[in-house]
Amino acid sequence: MNNGHKVHNTYTVVGTNIEEVKRQNASSGMSYNEVKALLVQQRRNKEQPNIIE
């Protein structure tokens, strides 16, 4: 998230570094909802009969 610019760390009241949390979230992989959507799509694709032309 730096992009060559100086990053000003912002902290919550309890001391959580918001920029660090954003950085870690960006590199953590798929979210729960993204995984759910992927599984639904894969199941739909599997249930559809193969069309051979």
N, C-alpha and C. Protein backbone atom coordinates (compact mmCIF):
# COMPACT_ATOMS: atom_id res chain seq x y z
N MET A 1 0.81 -1.19 0.00
CA MET A 1 0.00 0.00 0.00
C MET A 1 0.86 1.26 0.00
N ASN A 2 2.14 1.12 0.07
CA ASN A 2 3.02 2.25 0.17
C ASN A 2 3.08 3.04 -1.14
N ASN A 3 3.26 2.39 -2.26
CA ASN A 3 3.31 3.01 -3.59
C ASN A 3 4.29 4.18 -3.66
N GLY A 4 5.36 4.14 -2.89
CA GLY A 4 6.36 5.19 -2.92
C GLY A 4 5.98 6.43 -2.13
N HIS A 5 4.82 6.44 -1.51
CA HIS A 5 4.37 7.58 -0.71
C HIS A 5 4.57 7.28 0.77
N LYS A 6 4.79 8.32 1.54
CA LYS A 6 4.92 8.14 2.98
C LYS A 6 3.56 7.74 3.55
N VAL A 7 3.54 6.67 4.34
CA VAL A 7 2.31 6.17 4.93
C VAL A 7 2.21 6.69 6.35
N HIS A 8 1.09 7.33 6.66
CA HIS A 8 0.83 7.79 8.01
C HIS A 8 0.01 6.72 8.71
N ASN A 9 0.60 6.10 9.71
CA ASN A 9 -0.11 5.05 10.44
C ASN A 9 -1.23 5.65 11.27
N THR A 10 -2.39 5.06 11.15
CA THR A 10 -3.56 5.48 11.91
C THR A 10 -3.89 4.35 12.87
N TYR A 11 -4.15 4.72 14.11
CA TYR A 11 -4.42 3.73 15.13
C TYR A 11 -5.83 3.89 15.69
N THR A 12 -6.44 2.76 16.06
CA THR A 12 -7.74 2.80 16.72
C THR A 12 -7.53 3.21 18.18
N VAL A 13 -8.61 3.39 18.90
CA VAL A 13 -8.55 3.78 20.31
C VAL A 13 -7.77 2.77 21.13
N VAL A 14 -7.88 1.49 20.78
CA VAL A 14 -7.18 0.45 21.55
C VAL A 14 -5.78 0.18 21.03
N GLY A 15 -5.34 0.91 20.01
CA GLY A 15 -3.96 0.81 19.55
C GLY A 15 -3.72 -0.06 18.33
N THR A 16 -4.75 -0.48 17.61
CA THR A 16 -4.58 -1.29 16.41
C THR A 16 -4.12 -0.40 15.25
N ASN A 17 -3.05 -0.81 14.59
CA ASN A 17 -2.53 -0.08 13.44
C ASN A 17 -3.39 -0.41 12.22
N ILE A 18 -4.22 0.52 11.80
CA ILE A 18 -5.18 0.27 10.72
C ILE A 18 -4.47 -0.03 9.41
N GLU A 19 -3.40 0.69 9.10
CA GLU A 19 -2.68 0.46 7.83
C GLU A 19 -2.06 -0.94 7.80
N GLU A 20 -1.57 -1.41 8.94
CA GLU A 20 -0.99 -2.75 9.01
C GLU A 20 -2.07 -3.81 8.80
N VAL A 21 -3.24 -3.61 9.38
CA VAL A 21 -4.35 -4.55 9.19
C VAL A 21 -4.75 -4.59 7.72
N LYS A 22 -4.85 -3.44 7.06
CA LYS A 22 -5.19 -3.39 5.63
C LYS A 22 -4.14 -4.13 4.80
N ARG A 23 -2.86 -3.93 5.15
CA ARG A 23 -1.78 -4.59 4.41
C ARG A 23 -1.88 -6.11 4.56
N GLN A 24 -2.12 -6.57 5.77
CA GLN A 24 -2.22 -8.01 6.00
C GLN A 24 -3.46 -8.60 5.33
N ASN A 25 -4.57 -7.88 5.35
CA ASN A 25 -5.78 -8.35 4.70
C ASN A 25 -5.59 -8.48 3.19
N ALA A 26 -4.86 -7.55 2.60
CA ALA A 26 -4.64 -7.56 1.16
C ALA A 26 -3.85 -8.79 0.71
N SER A 27 -3.01 -9.32 1.60
CA SER A 27 -2.18 -10.47 1.23
C SER A 27 -2.66 -11.77 1.85
N SER A 28 -3.88 -11.79 2.38
CA SER A 28 -4.32 -12.97 3.13
C SER A 28 -5.08 -13.99 2.28
N GLY A 29 -5.37 -13.68 1.04
CA GLY A 29 -6.09 -14.65 0.21
C GLY A 29 -7.58 -14.33 0.13
N MET A 30 -8.37 -15.34 -0.18
CA MET A 30 -9.79 -15.15 -0.39
C MET A 30 -10.55 -14.95 0.92
N SER A 31 -11.60 -14.15 0.85
CA SER A 31 -12.46 -13.95 2.02
C SER A 31 -13.45 -15.11 2.11
N TYR A 32 -14.12 -15.19 3.23
CA TYR A 32 -15.14 -16.22 3.43
C TYR A 32 -16.21 -16.16 2.35
N ASN A 33 -16.69 -14.96 2.04
CA ASN A 33 -17.74 -14.81 1.03
C ASN A 33 -17.23 -15.14 -0.38
N GLU A 34 -15.96 -14.84 -0.67
CA GLU A 34 -15.39 -15.19 -1.96
C GLU A 34 -15.30 -16.71 -2.11
N VAL A 35 -14.93 -17.41 -1.06
CA VAL A 35 -14.86 -18.87 -1.08
C VAL A 35 -16.25 -19.46 -1.27
N LYS A 36 -17.23 -18.92 -0.56
CA LYS A 36 -18.61 -19.39 -0.70
C LYS A 36 -19.10 -19.23 -2.14
N ALA A 37 -18.85 -18.07 -2.74
CA ALA A 37 -19.28 -17.82 -4.12
C ALA A 37 -18.60 -18.77 -5.09
N LEU A 38 -17.32 -19.03 -4.88
CA LEU A 38 -16.58 -19.95 -5.74
C LEU A 38 -17.15 -21.36 -5.64
N LEU A 39 -17.44 -21.81 -4.42
CA LEU A 39 -18.00 -23.16 -4.24
C LEU A 39 -19.38 -23.28 -4.88
N VAL A 40 -20.19 -22.25 -4.76
CA VAL A 40 -21.52 -22.27 -5.39
C VAL A 40 -21.37 -22.37 -6.90
N GLN A 41 -20.48 -21.58 -7.47
CA GLN A 41 -20.27 -21.60 -8.93
C GLN A 41 -19.75 -22.96 -9.38
N GLN A 42 -18.82 -23.55 -8.64
CA GLN A 42 -18.30 -24.86 -9.02
C GLN A 42 -19.38 -25.92 -8.95
N ARG A 43 -20.23 -25.84 -7.94
CA ARG A 43 -21.32 -26.81 -7.81
C ARG A 43 -22.31 -26.67 -8.97
N ARG A 44 -22.63 -25.44 -9.33
CA ARG A 44 -23.54 -25.21 -10.47
C ARG A 44 -22.95 -25.76 -11.75
N ASN A 45 -21.66 -25.53 -11.96
CA ASN A 45 -21.00 -26.04 -13.17
C ASN A 45 -21.01 -27.56 -13.19
N LYS A 46 -20.85 -28.18 -12.04
CA LYS A 46 -20.82 -29.63 -11.95
C LYS A 46 -22.19 -30.25 -12.21
N GLU A 47 -23.25 -29.55 -11.77
CA GLU A 47 -24.61 -30.06 -11.91
C GLU A 47 -25.15 -29.92 -13.34
N GLN A 48 -24.60 -29.01 -14.11
CA GLN A 48 -25.06 -28.82 -15.48
C GLN A 48 -24.52 -29.95 -16.36
N PRO A 49 -25.37 -30.52 -17.22
CA PRO A 49 -24.89 -31.58 -18.10
C PRO A 49 -23.89 -31.03 -19.12
N ASN A 50 -22.92 -31.83 -19.47
CA ASN A 50 -21.93 -31.44 -20.48
C ASN A 50 -22.60 -31.39 -21.84
N ILE A 51 -22.37 -30.32 -22.56
CA ILE A 51 -22.93 -30.17 -23.90
C ILE A 51 -21.82 -30.41 -24.90
N ILE A 52 -22.01 -31.40 -25.76
CA ILE A 52 -21.01 -31.74 -26.77
C ILE A 52 -21.59 -31.36 -28.13
N GLU A 53 -20.83 -30.55 -28.85
CA GLU A 53 -21.30 -30.14 -30.17
C GLU A 53 -20.54 -30.85 -31.25
